[in-house]
Protein backbone atom coordinates (compact mmCIF):
# COMPACT_ATOMS: atom_id res chain seq x y z
CA UNK A 1 -0.07 0.13 -0.15
CA UNK A 2 1.14 3.59 -0.92
CA UNK A 3 1.41 6.44 1.49
CA UNK A 4 -1.14 7.47 0.24
CA UNK A 5 -3.75 5.26 -0.13
CA UNK A 6 -2.76 4.29 3.95
CA UNK A 7 -5.23 6.82 4.53
CA UNK A 8 -8.03 6.24 1.77
CA UNK A 9 -11.54 6.77 3.28
CA UNK A 10 -9.79 6.05 6.54
CA UNK A 11 -11.76 7.06 9.89
CA UNK A 12 -9.82 9.31 11.56
CA UNK A 13 -9.76 11.24 15.01
CA UNK A 14 -7.43 14.36 15.34
CA UNK A 15 -7.83 16.12 18.91
CA UNK A 16 -6.80 20.27 18.63
CA UNK A 17 -7.60 20.04 15.60
CA UNK A 18 -8.82 23.29 15.48
CA UNK A 19 -5.47 25.22 15.13
CA UNK A 20 -1.50 24.25 15.06
CA UNK A 21 -0.58 20.66 14.17
CA UNK A 22 -3.76 19.17 14.68
CA UNK A 23 -5.12 21.43 12.24
CA UNK A 24 -2.35 20.97 10.04
CA UNK A 25 -2.78 16.99 10.44
CA UNK A 26 -6.38 17.46 9.23
CA UNK A 27 -6.05 18.99 6.59
CA UNK A 28 -3.31 16.85 5.33
CA UNK A 29 -5.38 13.41 6.25
CA UNK A 30 -8.40 15.07 4.11
CA UNK A 31 -5.98 15.53 1.04
CA UNK A 32 -4.96 12.04 1.10
CA UNK A 33 -8.95 10.75 1.06
CA UNK A 34 -9.32 10.29 4.89
CA UNK A 35 -12.82 10.89 6.78
CA UNK A 36 -11.50 13.35 9.85
CA UNK A 37 -13.26 13.52 12.82
CA UNK A 38 -11.69 16.89 14.07
CA UNK A 39 -12.26 17.46 17.48
CA UNK A 40 -11.82 20.47 19.62
CA UNK A 41 -12.96 22.35 23.06
CA UNK A 42 -14.36 25.24 21.48
CA UNK A 43 -17.31 24.60 19.28
CA UNK A 44 -17.14 27.99 17.33
CA UNK A 45 -13.26 27.53 16.57
CA UNK A 46 -13.67 23.24 15.51
CA UNK A 47 -17.07 23.78 13.64
CA UNK A 48 -15.30 26.64 11.81
CA UNK A 49 -12.30 24.79 11.04
CA UNK A 50 -14.16 21.99 9.88
CA UNK A 51 -16.27 23.73 7.49
CA UNK A 52 -13.05 25.45 6.51
CA UNK A 53 -11.15 21.98 5.69
CA UNK A 54 -14.19 20.09 4.58
CA UNK A 55 -15.58 22.66 1.80
CA UNK A 56 -18.90 21.36 1.50
CA UNK A 57 -17.80 17.80 1.40
CA UNK A 58 -18.58 16.32 4.24
CA UNK A 59 -15.49 14.18 5.33
CA UNK A 60 -14.32 16.75 8.14
CA UNK A 61 -16.36 16.38 11.09
CA UNK A 62 -16.48 18.55 14.04
CA UNK A 63 -16.40 17.15 17.64
CA UNK A 64 -16.55 19.37 20.59
CA UNK A 65 -14.71 17.54 23.30
CA UNK A 66 -12.79 18.43 26.44
CA UNK A 67 -9.97 15.88 26.17
CA UNK A 68 -8.80 16.33 30.44
CA UNK A 69 -12.38 14.88 30.86
CA UNK A 70 -12.80 10.97 30.72
CA UNK A 71 -16.64 10.97 29.98
CA UNK A 72 -15.67 13.47 27.33
CA UNK A 73 -13.36 11.55 25.25
CA UNK A 74 -15.18 8.23 26.07
CA UNK A 75 -17.95 9.25 24.71
CA UNK A 76 -16.69 11.28 21.50
CA UNK A 77 -14.82 8.19 20.25
CA UNK A 78 -17.64 5.73 20.66
CA UNK A 79 -19.96 8.30 18.94
CA UNK A 80 -17.55 8.37 16.40
CA UNK A 81 -17.83 4.18 16.09
CA UNK A 82 -21.31 4.40 16.45
CA UNK A 83 -21.57 6.73 13.52
CA UNK A 84 -19.15 5.62 11.26
CA UNK A 85 -19.05 2.39 11.87
CA UNK A 86 -14.97 2.05 13.08
CA UNK A 87 -12.05 4.14 14.02
CA UNK A 88 -8.90 3.54 11.83
CA UNK A 89 -6.70 6.21 13.39
CA UNK A 90 -6.55 8.38 16.80
CA UNK A 91 -4.46 10.91 16.85
CA UNK A 92 -4.05 11.81 20.25
CA UNK A 93 -2.32 15.62 19.48
CA UNK A 94 -4.36 18.04 22.21
CA UNK A 95 -1.79 19.56 24.41
CA UNK A 96 0.04 22.82 25.86
CA UNK A 97 3.20 24.17 26.19
CA UNK A 98 4.84 24.57 29.42
CA UNK A 99 8.24 26.35 29.05
CA UNK A 100 8.96 28.43 32.59
CA UNK A 101 11.16 28.86 35.12
CA UNK A 102 10.61 26.27 38.02
CA UNK A 103 9.92 28.47 40.71
CA UNK A 104 6.90 30.29 39.27
CA UNK A 105 5.60 27.15 38.46
CA UNK A 106 2.45 26.36 40.88
CA UNK A 107 0.78 22.98 41.54
CA UNK A 108 -2.12 24.10 39.86
CA UNK A 109 0.33 24.54 37.26
CA UNK A 110 1.00 21.08 37.42
CA UNK A 111 -2.64 19.28 37.95
CA UNK A 112 -3.27 21.70 34.51
CA UNK A 113 -0.38 20.56 32.33
CA UNK A 114 -1.01 16.74 33.00
CA UNK A 115 -4.44 16.72 32.63
CA UNK A 116 -4.02 18.07 29.13
CA UNK A 117 -0.70 16.56 28.25
CA UNK A 118 -1.13 12.97 29.78
CA UNK A 119 -3.92 12.20 31.10
CA UNK A 120 -5.92 13.09 27.96
CA UNK A 121 -3.43 10.60 26.08
CA UNK A 122 -4.38 7.99 28.44
CA UNK A 123 -7.97 8.59 28.13
CA UNK A 124 -7.99 8.27 23.96
CA UNK A 125 -6.02 5.32 24.18
CA UNK A 126 -8.00 3.58 27.13
CA UNK A 127 -10.79 4.28 25.18
CA UNK A 128 -9.57 3.32 21.78
CA UNK A 129 -7.94 0.15 22.39
CA UNK A 130 -11.02 -2.38 22.62
CA UNK A 131 -12.40 -0.75 19.73
CA UNK A 132 -9.41 -1.79 17.70
CA UNK A 133 -8.83 -5.01 19.15
CA UNK A 134 -12.48 -6.14 18.28
CA UNK A 135 -12.02 -4.57 14.49
CA UNK A 136 -8.49 -6.44 14.56
CA UNK A 137 -6.92 -3.44 13.35
CA UNK A 138 -5.73 0.37 14.03
CA UNK A 139 -3.12 3.09 14.54
CA UNK A 140 -2.70 5.29 17.44
CA UNK A 141 -0.32 8.35 17.00
CA UNK A 142 0.10 10.33 20.12
CA UNK A 143 2.20 13.47 20.15
CA UNK A 144 4.86 13.50 22.30
CA UNK A 145 7.97 16.30 21.87
CA UNK A 146 11.64 16.26 21.38
CA UNK A 147 11.17 17.24 25.23
CA UNK A 148 9.96 13.72 25.43
CA UNK A 149 13.15 12.27 24.91
CA UNK A 150 15.77 14.70 25.69
CA UNK A 151 14.79 16.90 28.91
CA UNK A 152 15.16 20.16 27.78
CA UNK A 153 15.68 23.20 30.65
CA UNK A 154 13.10 24.95 31.53
CA UNK A 155 10.63 22.31 30.88
CA UNK A 156 10.37 20.45 34.13
CA UNK A 157 6.68 20.16 33.75
CA UNK A 158 6.38 19.94 29.90
CA UNK A 159 9.09 17.29 29.69
CA UNK A 160 7.11 14.85 33.03
CA UNK A 161 3.80 14.43 30.55
CA UNK A 162 5.90 14.32 27.51
CA UNK A 163 8.41 11.28 28.31
CA UNK A 164 4.93 9.66 29.84
CA UNK A 165 3.24 9.90 26.11
CA UNK A 166 7.05 8.54 24.84
CA UNK A 167 7.15 5.35 27.33
CA UNK A 168 3.63 4.85 27.03
CA UNK A 169 3.34 4.64 23.11
CA UNK A 170 6.61 2.86 23.27
CA UNK A 171 5.60 0.30 25.50
CA UNK A 172 2.36 -0.30 23.83
CA UNK A 173 3.51 -0.56 20.29
CA UNK A 174 5.56 -3.48 21.12
CA UNK A 175 2.85 -5.13 23.48
CA UNK A 176 0.06 -5.34 20.61
CA UNK A 177 2.76 -5.82 17.57
CA UNK A 178 1.06 -9.17 17.11
CA UNK A 179 -2.59 -7.82 17.68
CA UNK A 180 -2.97 -5.67 14.36
CA UNK A 181 -2.46 -2.38 16.37
CA UNK A 182 0.44 0.17 15.40
CA UNK A 183 1.47 2.75 17.88
CA UNK A 184 3.48 5.84 16.56
CA UNK A 185 5.28 8.90 18.73
CA UNK A 186 5.48 12.14 17.13
CA UNK A 187 8.19 14.48 18.38
CA UNK A 188 8.13 17.44 17.26
CA UNK A 189 10.84 20.37 18.09
CA UNK A 190 10.30 23.95 17.36
CA UNK A 191 6.88 23.32 14.95
CA UNK A 192 5.81 27.44 13.13
CA UNK A 193 2.60 26.92 15.49
CA UNK A 194 0.50 29.41 17.46
CA UNK A 195 2.12 27.20 20.85
CA UNK A 196 4.60 29.55 21.78
CA UNK A 197 2.52 32.83 23.27
CA UNK A 198 -0.24 30.57 24.84
CA UNK A 199 0.53 29.66 29.37
CA UNK A 200 0.00 26.22 30.80
CA UNK A 201 -3.65 26.89 30.59
CA UNK A 202 -3.97 27.66 27.06
CA UNK A 203 -3.87 31.43 27.24
CA UNK A 204 -2.67 33.32 24.68
CA UNK A 205 -0.76 36.19 25.35
CA UNK A 206 0.43 39.16 22.91
CA UNK A 207 1.24 38.85 19.81
CA UNK A 208 2.52 35.65 18.87
CA UNK A 209 6.18 34.93 18.32
CA UNK A 210 8.04 32.35 16.69
CA UNK A 211 11.47 30.96 16.72
CA UNK A 212 13.35 31.99 13.30
CA UNK A 213 14.40 28.64 13.22
CA UNK A 214 10.72 27.13 13.42
CA UNK A 215 9.39 24.49 10.98
CA UNK A 216 6.41 25.05 8.75
CA UNK A 217 3.75 22.99 10.26
CA UNK A 218 2.11 22.46 6.79
CA UNK A 219 5.69 20.46 6.06
CA UNK A 220 5.56 18.96 9.13
CA UNK A 221 2.18 17.41 8.90
CA UNK A 222 3.03 16.10 5.56
CA UNK A 223 6.44 14.35 6.88
CA UNK A 224 4.27 12.84 9.85
CA UNK A 225 1.93 11.09 8.15
CA UNK A 226 4.40 9.86 5.91
CA UNK A 227 6.05 8.30 8.60
CA UNK A 228 3.04 6.88 9.98
CA UNK A 229 2.26 5.17 7.01
CA UNK A 230 5.34 3.66 7.37
CA UNK A 231 4.39 2.28 10.88
CA UNK A 232 7.65 4.21 12.26
CA UNK A 233 7.19 4.41 16.15
CA UNK A 234 9.55 7.48 16.66
CA UNK A 235 8.94 10.22 14.40
CA UNK A 236 11.42 13.02 15.15
CA UNK A 237 10.21 16.16 13.19
CA UNK A 238 11.96 18.78 11.53
CA UNK A 239 13.95 15.31 10.15
CA UNK A 240 17.25 17.68 10.63
CA UNK A 241 18.71 17.19 13.26
CA UNK A 242 19.64 13.66 12.77
CA UNK A 243 18.30 11.03 15.84
CA UNK A 244 21.75 10.96 15.89
CA UNK A 245 22.55 13.89 18.05
CA UNK A 246 19.87 13.46 20.17
CA UNK A 247 21.47 9.72 21.15
CA UNK A 248 24.34 11.93 22.08
CA UNK A 249 22.32 12.82 25.12
CA UNK A 250 22.02 9.02 26.11
CA UNK A 251 25.71 8.08 26.02
CA UNK A 252 26.36 10.99 28.37
CA UNK A 253 28.28 12.59 25.29
CA UNK A 254 30.10 15.52 27.00
CA UNK A 255 29.13 17.58 23.93
CA UNK A 256 25.14 17.09 24.58
CA UNK A 257 26.05 17.80 27.98
CA UNK A 258 27.49 21.18 26.97
CA UNK A 259 24.50 22.31 24.83
CA UNK A 260 21.82 21.48 27.64
CA UNK A 261 24.09 23.74 30.26
CA UNK A 262 24.30 26.48 27.39
CA UNK A 263 20.36 26.32 26.66
CA UNK A 264 19.57 26.57 30.39
CA UNK A 265 21.76 29.65 30.63
CA UNK A 266 20.61 31.21 27.34
CA UNK A 267 16.93 30.90 28.79
CA UNK A 268 17.39 31.88 32.27
CA UNK A 269 18.83 35.50 30.63
CA UNK A 270 15.99 35.67 28.09
CA UNK A 271 13.41 35.12 30.90
CA UNK A 272 15.43 37.47 33.06
CA UNK A 273 15.40 40.33 30.26
CA UNK A 274 12.40 40.24 28.87
CA UNK A 275 10.33 37.51 30.14
CA UNK A 276 10.24 34.62 27.29
CA UNK A 277 12.74 31.78 26.65
CA UNK A 278 13.83 32.98 23.10
């Protein structure tokens, strides 16, 4: 099967679909022939997104769901299956950023980011696996981060959730390999999305500023779906730098140690000067 054919007429759910990576994935899935249930918390935003991408075809369908609520996630997935007859791909993509000096962190911040970034993925996985096992097929794609394989400074909260996502997804990939189920972990670095001006609670602050090295989100979506179709486990995006550069951390390479320490110093200086890490 070609990468294009992998998605033809497949039933897909994408959370966090009204903006950022979720919106770009939805758009690319539709281009590749999928039927996409676009999930988001804001009815107005997700309905507008589905209307824009669907262009009257009926292949982009909005779902209003707060992914931090287990009953809502369960209902959204079960309702999709009742309507469509199955679920082929689930993209647990919704999430928030969290680059912040730890001394400013509150316990409420911890609860919010874990509920949104980790529990939401657990809820989706927990609801989808029994359905996919009954079908004998399915592919779950969870959005983690580069911070889910390398603990970047000033991202203690974020890294905690993303390491959890990476570990869970990889463990399940092996556990269900002989059951017809596939699992992939998306590990983005800087991607040009609105996440950069949002706080942990999802609130936007000021004018959107995106790092100069951020990778275009539409190209990220194309690359991700190519690799998902190949049943890749961990998908680093953008594809450069090569994965070997991340392996240096795990091998306790002095160069990696120096880079992370320098990043910590630069981020602290940036926060003290302008209130942002870049």
